[in-house]
Amino acid sequence: MNSPFAASKPRPEFRNIHVSQILKYKLPPPGMVSIMHRVSGALLFLTLPLVLWLFDLSLTSEISYSRLADFSSHWLVKLVLVGLAWAFLHHLVAGVRYLMLDLHIGVEKAAARTSALGVYAISLPLALLAALKIFGVF
C-alpha cells in the first residue's frame, strides 16, 4: 500500500543568511519599506537633540537666528537637513501605510506590494522637492 506522503515533493529548506550575503539578498518592496521605516525612525530619534537645538536657535533671538542661518549655509549641514527631511517624509508616508494595514486595508500580497511602491512614489519626490528647497534652487 502506497503512502500519500511518498509522492509529495520534498519541502524546501530555508537557512539563515550570512552577513556577507546580506547585500545580495533581494527583499520584496514591503520588506524594504519596513526596514527603511525603522531606519528613518531611528534617525529621527537619534537626531532629536540636534533638531531641538536648531529650533531653539531659531526662536531665541534675532542674533541666534542669524547664527542659525550662518550655520545652515554650509553644504554639509544642508546635506544633513536633506537626510532629516527624507527620514521625516518616508516615516510619515510609511506610517500612513502601516495605519491602513492595521485597519486591514491592503493586506493582500498584491495590494501590499503596490502600497509599498506607493510609499516610494510619494516620499522620494517629496524628499527631492525638500532637497531642492534646502539647497536654494527655488
N, C-alpha and C. Protein backbone atom coordinates (compact mmCIF):
# COMPACT_ATOMS: atom_id res chain seq x y z
N MET A 1 0.85 -1.18 0.00
CA MET A 1 0.00 0.00 0.00
C MET A 1 0.89 1.24 0.00
N ASN A 2 0.62 2.15 -0.93
CA ASN A 2 1.43 3.37 -1.05
C ASN A 2 0.95 4.43 -0.08
N SER A 3 1.90 5.10 0.49
CA SER A 3 1.58 6.19 1.41
C SER A 3 1.33 7.47 0.60
N PRO A 4 0.38 8.32 1.00
CA PRO A 4 0.15 9.57 0.27
C PRO A 4 1.32 10.55 0.40
N PHE A 5 2.17 10.30 1.38
CA PHE A 5 3.31 11.20 1.60
C PHE A 5 4.50 10.85 0.72
N ALA A 6 4.50 9.67 0.15
CA ALA A 6 5.64 9.22 -0.65
C ALA A 6 5.76 9.99 -1.96
N ALA A 7 4.65 10.43 -2.53
CA ALA A 7 4.67 11.10 -3.82
C ALA A 7 4.87 12.61 -3.71
N SER A 8 4.81 13.15 -2.52
CA SER A 8 4.93 14.60 -2.38
C SER A 8 6.38 15.04 -2.55
N LYS A 9 6.53 16.29 -2.99
CA LYS A 9 7.86 16.85 -3.19
C LYS A 9 8.51 17.13 -1.83
N PRO A 10 9.82 17.07 -1.79
CA PRO A 10 10.48 17.41 -0.52
C PRO A 10 10.26 18.90 -0.22
N ARG A 11 10.11 19.19 1.04
CA ARG A 11 9.87 20.56 1.47
C ARG A 11 11.14 21.39 1.28
N PRO A 12 10.99 22.66 0.89
CA PRO A 12 12.19 23.49 0.74
C PRO A 12 12.84 23.74 2.10
N GLU A 13 14.13 23.89 2.05
CA GLU A 13 14.88 24.12 3.27
C GLU A 13 15.35 25.58 3.28
N PHE A 14 15.00 26.30 4.33
CA PHE A 14 15.39 27.70 4.47
C PHE A 14 16.47 27.80 5.53
N ARG A 15 17.53 28.46 5.18
CA ARG A 15 18.63 28.64 6.13
C ARG A 15 18.83 30.12 6.40
N ASN A 16 19.42 30.40 7.52
CA ASN A 16 19.76 31.79 7.83
C ASN A 16 20.84 32.26 6.86
N ILE A 17 20.75 33.55 6.50
CA ILE A 17 21.76 34.08 5.60
C ILE A 17 22.93 34.62 6.41
N HIS A 18 24.10 34.54 5.84
CA HIS A 18 25.30 35.04 6.49
C HIS A 18 25.43 36.54 6.24
N VAL A 19 26.17 37.22 7.07
CA VAL A 19 26.35 38.67 6.95
C VAL A 19 26.91 39.04 5.57
N SER A 20 27.77 38.21 5.03
CA SER A 20 28.36 38.52 3.72
C SER A 20 27.34 38.38 2.59
N GLN A 21 26.20 37.74 2.84
CA GLN A 21 25.17 37.54 1.81
C GLN A 21 24.08 38.60 1.86
N ILE A 22 24.12 39.50 2.83
CA ILE A 22 23.03 40.45 3.01
C ILE A 22 22.87 41.37 1.80
N LEU A 23 23.95 41.85 1.25
CA LEU A 23 23.85 42.78 0.13
C LEU A 23 23.33 42.10 -1.14
N LYS A 24 23.48 40.79 -1.25
CA LYS A 24 23.00 40.06 -2.41
C LYS A 24 21.54 39.63 -2.27
N TYR A 25 21.00 39.70 -1.06
CA TYR A 25 19.64 39.24 -0.80
C TYR A 25 18.63 40.24 -1.34
N LYS A 26 17.68 39.78 -2.12
CA LYS A 26 16.68 40.67 -2.73
C LYS A 26 15.41 40.64 -1.89
N LEU A 27 15.16 41.73 -1.22
CA LEU A 27 13.97 41.86 -0.39
C LEU A 27 12.81 42.36 -1.23
N PRO A 28 11.59 41.91 -0.96
CA PRO A 28 10.44 42.46 -1.68
C PRO A 28 10.18 43.89 -1.22
N PRO A 29 9.46 44.68 -2.02
CA PRO A 29 9.22 46.09 -1.64
C PRO A 29 8.62 46.29 -0.24
N PRO A 30 7.64 45.48 0.21
CA PRO A 30 7.16 45.70 1.58
C PRO A 30 8.25 45.50 2.63
N GLY A 31 9.18 44.58 2.39
CA GLY A 31 10.28 44.38 3.33
C GLY A 31 11.23 45.56 3.35
N MET A 32 11.50 46.13 2.17
CA MET A 32 12.37 47.31 2.11
C MET A 32 11.72 48.51 2.80
N VAL A 33 10.42 48.68 2.59
CA VAL A 33 9.72 49.79 3.25
C VAL A 33 9.77 49.61 4.76
N SER A 34 9.61 48.38 5.22
CA SER A 34 9.66 48.11 6.66
C SER A 34 11.03 48.46 7.24
N ILE A 35 12.08 48.03 6.58
CA ILE A 35 13.43 48.31 7.08
C ILE A 35 13.70 49.82 7.04
N MET A 36 13.34 50.47 5.93
CA MET A 36 13.59 51.91 5.82
C MET A 36 12.73 52.70 6.81
N HIS A 37 11.55 52.19 7.16
CA HIS A 37 10.71 52.85 8.16
C HIS A 37 11.42 52.81 9.52
N ARG A 38 12.03 51.69 9.83
CA ARG A 38 12.76 51.58 11.09
C ARG A 38 14.01 52.45 11.09
N VAL A 39 14.72 52.47 9.96
CA VAL A 39 15.93 53.30 9.85
C VAL A 39 15.58 54.78 9.99
N SER A 40 14.52 55.20 9.29
CA SER A 40 14.13 56.61 9.36
C SER A 40 13.65 56.98 10.76
N GLY A 41 12.94 56.08 11.43
CA GLY A 41 12.52 56.35 12.80
C GLY A 41 13.70 56.47 13.75
N ALA A 42 14.68 55.59 13.60
CA ALA A 42 15.88 55.66 14.44
C ALA A 42 16.65 56.94 14.16
N LEU A 43 16.76 57.32 12.89
CA LEU A 43 17.46 58.54 12.53
C LEU A 43 16.76 59.77 13.13
N LEU A 44 15.45 59.80 13.06
CA LEU A 44 14.71 60.92 13.65
C LEU A 44 14.89 60.96 15.16
N PHE A 45 14.86 59.80 15.80
CA PHE A 45 15.02 59.76 17.25
C PHE A 45 16.42 60.20 17.67
N LEU A 46 17.43 59.69 16.98
CA LEU A 46 18.80 60.00 17.37
C LEU A 46 19.20 61.45 17.09
N THR A 47 18.57 62.07 16.12
CA THR A 47 18.90 63.47 15.81
C THR A 47 17.94 64.45 16.47
N LEU A 48 17.06 63.96 17.32
CA LEU A 48 16.13 64.86 18.00
C LEU A 48 16.83 65.97 18.79
N PRO A 49 17.92 65.70 19.53
CA PRO A 49 18.60 66.81 20.20
C PRO A 49 19.09 67.89 19.24
N LEU A 50 19.61 67.50 18.08
CA LEU A 50 20.05 68.47 17.08
C LEU A 50 18.88 69.30 16.58
N VAL A 51 17.78 68.66 16.29
CA VAL A 51 16.61 69.37 15.78
C VAL A 51 16.07 70.33 16.83
N LEU A 52 16.03 69.90 18.08
CA LEU A 52 15.56 70.79 19.15
C LEU A 52 16.50 71.97 19.35
N TRP A 53 17.81 71.74 19.22
CA TRP A 53 18.77 72.83 19.33
C TRP A 53 18.59 73.82 18.20
N LEU A 54 18.40 73.32 16.98
CA LEU A 54 18.17 74.22 15.84
C LEU A 54 16.86 75.00 16.02
N PHE A 55 15.85 74.34 16.52
CA PHE A 55 14.56 75.01 16.77
C PHE A 55 14.73 76.09 17.83
N ASP A 56 15.48 75.80 18.88
CA ASP A 56 15.74 76.78 19.93
C ASP A 56 16.49 77.98 19.38
N LEU A 57 17.49 77.73 18.54
CA LEU A 57 18.23 78.83 17.93
C LEU A 57 17.33 79.71 17.07
N SER A 58 16.38 79.11 16.41
CA SER A 58 15.52 79.88 15.50
C SER A 58 14.55 80.78 16.26
N LEU A 59 14.26 80.46 17.51
CA LEU A 59 13.24 81.21 18.25
C LEU A 59 13.78 82.12 19.35
N THR A 60 15.01 81.94 19.76
CA THR A 60 15.53 82.66 20.92
C THR A 60 15.63 84.16 20.67
N SER A 61 16.33 84.56 19.63
CA SER A 61 16.50 85.98 19.33
C SER A 61 16.89 86.14 17.86
N GLU A 62 16.95 87.40 17.44
CA GLU A 62 17.38 87.66 16.07
C GLU A 62 18.84 87.28 15.86
N ILE A 63 19.64 87.49 16.89
CA ILE A 63 21.06 87.16 16.79
C ILE A 63 21.24 85.64 16.65
N SER A 64 20.50 84.88 17.45
CA SER A 64 20.63 83.42 17.36
C SER A 64 20.06 82.91 16.04
N TYR A 65 19.05 83.58 15.52
CA TYR A 65 18.51 83.19 14.22
C TYR A 65 19.53 83.43 13.10
N SER A 66 20.23 84.58 13.18
CA SER A 66 21.26 84.83 12.16
C SER A 66 22.43 83.85 12.33
N ARG A 67 22.71 83.45 13.57
CA ARG A 67 23.74 82.42 13.81
C ARG A 67 23.31 81.09 13.18
N LEU A 68 22.03 80.76 13.31
CA LEU A 68 21.50 79.55 12.70
C LEU A 68 21.57 79.63 11.18
N ALA A 69 21.26 80.79 10.62
CA ALA A 69 21.32 80.96 9.17
C ALA A 69 22.76 80.78 8.67
N ASP A 70 23.72 81.32 9.42
CA ASP A 70 25.13 81.13 9.05
C ASP A 70 25.53 79.65 9.15
N PHE A 71 25.09 79.01 10.22
CA PHE A 71 25.41 77.60 10.44
C PHE A 71 24.82 76.72 9.34
N SER A 72 23.59 77.00 8.97
CA SER A 72 22.89 76.14 7.99
C SER A 72 23.24 76.48 6.55
N SER A 73 24.11 77.46 6.32
CA SER A 73 24.50 77.77 4.96
C SER A 73 25.60 76.83 4.44
N HIS A 74 26.23 76.08 5.32
CA HIS A 74 27.28 75.15 4.92
C HIS A 74 26.65 73.94 4.21
N TRP A 75 27.31 73.44 3.16
CA TRP A 75 26.73 72.37 2.35
C TRP A 75 26.56 71.07 3.14
N LEU A 76 27.45 70.81 4.11
CA LEU A 76 27.34 69.58 4.89
C LEU A 76 26.12 69.63 5.81
N VAL A 77 25.85 70.77 6.38
CA VAL A 77 24.66 70.93 7.22
C VAL A 77 23.41 70.78 6.37
N LYS A 78 23.44 71.34 5.17
CA LYS A 78 22.30 71.18 4.27
C LYS A 78 22.08 69.72 3.90
N LEU A 79 23.15 68.99 3.73
CA LEU A 79 23.03 67.57 3.42
C LEU A 79 22.40 66.80 4.58
N VAL A 80 22.78 67.15 5.80
CA VAL A 80 22.17 66.53 6.98
C VAL A 80 20.69 66.88 7.04
N LEU A 81 20.35 68.13 6.74
CA LEU A 81 18.94 68.54 6.73
C LEU A 81 18.15 67.81 5.66
N VAL A 82 18.77 67.56 4.52
CA VAL A 82 18.09 66.77 3.47
C VAL A 82 17.84 65.36 3.97
N GLY A 83 18.82 64.77 4.65
CA GLY A 83 18.63 63.44 5.22
C GLY A 83 17.51 63.40 6.24
N LEU A 84 17.44 64.44 7.06
CA LEU A 84 16.35 64.52 8.04
C LEU A 84 14.99 64.71 7.35
N ALA A 85 14.98 65.51 6.30
CA ALA A 85 13.72 65.71 5.56
C ALA A 85 13.27 64.39 4.93
N TRP A 86 14.22 63.64 4.34
CA TRP A 86 13.86 62.34 3.78
C TRP A 86 13.33 61.41 4.87
N ALA A 87 14.03 61.37 6.01
CA ALA A 87 13.61 60.49 7.10
C ALA A 87 12.20 60.83 7.56
N PHE A 88 11.93 62.12 7.73
CA PHE A 88 10.60 62.54 8.17
C PHE A 88 9.53 62.16 7.14
N LEU A 89 9.78 62.47 5.88
CA LEU A 89 8.77 62.21 4.85
C LEU A 89 8.56 60.71 4.64
N HIS A 90 9.63 59.94 4.61
CA HIS A 90 9.47 58.49 4.46
C HIS A 90 8.74 57.90 5.65
N HIS A 91 9.11 58.32 6.84
CA HIS A 91 8.48 57.79 8.05
C HIS A 91 6.99 58.16 8.09
N LEU A 92 6.67 59.36 7.65
CA LEU A 92 5.28 59.80 7.63
C LEU A 92 4.45 58.98 6.64
N VAL A 93 4.92 58.86 5.41
CA VAL A 93 4.16 58.15 4.38
C VAL A 93 4.07 56.66 4.70
N ALA A 94 5.17 56.07 5.15
CA ALA A 94 5.13 54.65 5.52
C ALA A 94 4.26 54.44 6.74
N GLY A 95 4.25 55.39 7.65
CA GLY A 95 3.38 55.29 8.83
C GLY A 95 1.91 55.29 8.45
N VAL A 96 1.54 56.10 7.47
CA VAL A 96 0.15 56.08 6.99
C VAL A 96 -0.16 54.72 6.36
N ARG A 97 0.79 54.16 5.63
CA ARG A 97 0.60 52.83 5.04
C ARG A 97 0.37 51.80 6.14
N TYR A 98 1.16 51.86 7.20
CA TYR A 98 1.00 50.89 8.29
C TYR A 98 -0.31 51.09 9.04
N LEU A 99 -0.77 52.32 9.14
CA LEU A 99 -2.09 52.54 9.75
C LEU A 99 -3.18 51.90 8.90
N MET A 100 -3.05 52.00 7.58
CA MET A 100 -4.02 51.36 6.69
C MET A 100 -3.96 49.83 6.84
N LEU A 101 -2.75 49.29 6.95
CA LEU A 101 -2.62 47.85 7.14
C LEU A 101 -3.23 47.42 8.48
N ASP A 102 -3.08 48.25 9.50
CA ASP A 102 -3.69 47.94 10.80
C ASP A 102 -5.21 47.92 10.72
N LEU A 103 -5.77 48.67 9.78
CA LEU A 103 -7.22 48.66 9.56
C LEU A 103 -7.63 47.57 8.58
N HIS A 104 -6.68 46.70 8.23
CA HIS A 104 -6.91 45.58 7.31
C HIS A 104 -7.27 46.05 5.91
N ILE A 105 -6.70 47.17 5.52
CA ILE A 105 -6.88 47.68 4.16
C ILE A 105 -5.58 47.44 3.41
N GLY A 106 -5.64 46.66 2.34
CA GLY A 106 -4.47 46.41 1.51
C GLY A 106 -3.53 45.37 2.07
N VAL A 107 -4.04 44.37 2.78
CA VAL A 107 -3.17 43.36 3.36
C VAL A 107 -2.89 42.20 2.41
N GLU A 108 -3.61 42.13 1.30
CA GLU A 108 -3.34 41.08 0.33
C GLU A 108 -1.96 41.34 -0.30
N LYS A 109 -1.36 40.28 -0.81
CA LYS A 109 0.02 40.37 -1.30
C LYS A 109 0.19 41.43 -2.39
N ALA A 110 -0.68 41.42 -3.39
CA ALA A 110 -0.55 42.39 -4.49
C ALA A 110 -0.79 43.81 -4.00
N ALA A 111 -1.79 43.99 -3.14
CA ALA A 111 -2.08 45.33 -2.62
C ALA A 111 -0.96 45.84 -1.72
N ALA A 112 -0.38 44.94 -0.92
CA ALA A 112 0.73 45.35 -0.05
C ALA A 112 1.94 45.75 -0.88
N ARG A 113 2.20 45.03 -1.96
CA ARG A 113 3.32 45.39 -2.84
C ARG A 113 3.07 46.75 -3.50
N THR A 114 1.85 46.96 -3.96
CA THR A 114 1.51 48.24 -4.60
C THR A 114 1.62 49.40 -3.61
N SER A 115 1.13 49.21 -2.40
CA SER A 115 1.20 50.30 -1.42
C SER A 115 2.65 50.56 -1.00
N ALA A 116 3.48 49.52 -0.97
CA ALA A 116 4.89 49.72 -0.64
C ALA A 116 5.59 50.54 -1.72
N LEU A 117 5.29 50.21 -2.98
CA LEU A 117 5.86 51.01 -4.08
C LEU A 117 5.29 52.43 -4.06
N GLY A 118 4.04 52.57 -3.61
CA GLY A 118 3.42 53.88 -3.49
C GLY A 118 4.12 54.75 -2.45
N VAL A 119 4.63 54.12 -1.39
CA VAL A 119 5.38 54.87 -0.37
C VAL A 119 6.59 55.54 -1.02
N TYR A 120 7.30 54.79 -1.84
CA TYR A 120 8.46 55.38 -2.54
C TYR A 120 8.02 56.40 -3.58
N ALA A 121 6.91 56.14 -4.27
CA ALA A 121 6.44 57.06 -5.30
C ALA A 121 6.00 58.39 -4.71
N ILE A 122 5.63 58.41 -3.45
CA ILE A 122 5.22 59.66 -2.81
C ILE A 122 6.37 60.30 -2.05
N SER A 123 7.08 59.51 -1.24
CA SER A 123 8.08 60.10 -0.35
C SER A 123 9.35 60.55 -1.07
N LEU A 124 9.78 59.85 -2.09
CA LEU A 124 11.02 60.25 -2.78
C LEU A 124 10.87 61.56 -3.55
N PRO A 125 9.78 61.77 -4.32
CA PRO A 125 9.64 63.09 -4.96
C PRO A 125 9.49 64.23 -3.94
N LEU A 126 8.79 63.97 -2.83
CA LEU A 126 8.68 65.00 -1.80
C LEU A 126 10.05 65.31 -1.18
N ALA A 127 10.85 64.27 -0.97
CA ALA A 127 12.19 64.48 -0.43
C ALA A 127 13.07 65.24 -1.44
N LEU A 128 12.89 64.96 -2.72
CA LEU A 128 13.63 65.70 -3.74
C LEU A 128 13.23 67.17 -3.75
N LEU A 129 11.94 67.44 -3.62
CA LEU A 129 11.49 68.84 -3.53
C LEU A 129 12.07 69.53 -2.30
N ALA A 130 12.08 68.82 -1.17
CA ALA A 130 12.67 69.38 0.05
C ALA A 130 14.16 69.65 -0.15
N ALA A 131 14.87 68.74 -0.82
CA ALA A 131 16.30 68.94 -1.07
C ALA A 131 16.53 70.15 -1.96
N LEU A 132 15.71 70.30 -2.98
CA LEU A 132 15.86 71.46 -3.85
C LEU A 132 15.59 72.76 -3.10
N LYS A 133 14.63 72.74 -2.20
CA LYS A 133 14.33 73.92 -1.40
C LYS A 133 15.46 74.21 -0.40
N ILE A 134 16.00 73.18 0.22
CA ILE A 134 17.08 73.36 1.19
C ILE A 134 18.34 73.90 0.52
N PHE A 135 18.65 73.43 -0.68
CA PHE A 135 19.83 73.90 -1.38
C PHE A 135 19.57 75.19 -2.16
N GLY A 136 18.36 75.76 -2.06
CA GLY A 136 18.08 77.07 -2.61
C GLY A 136 17.83 77.12 -4.09
N VAL A 137 17.40 76.02 -4.69
CA VAL A 137 17.11 76.02 -6.12
C VAL A 137 15.87 76.88 -6.41
N PHE A 138 14.92 76.83 -5.49
CA PHE A 138 13.73 77.70 -5.62
C PHE A 138 13.34 78.25 -4.28
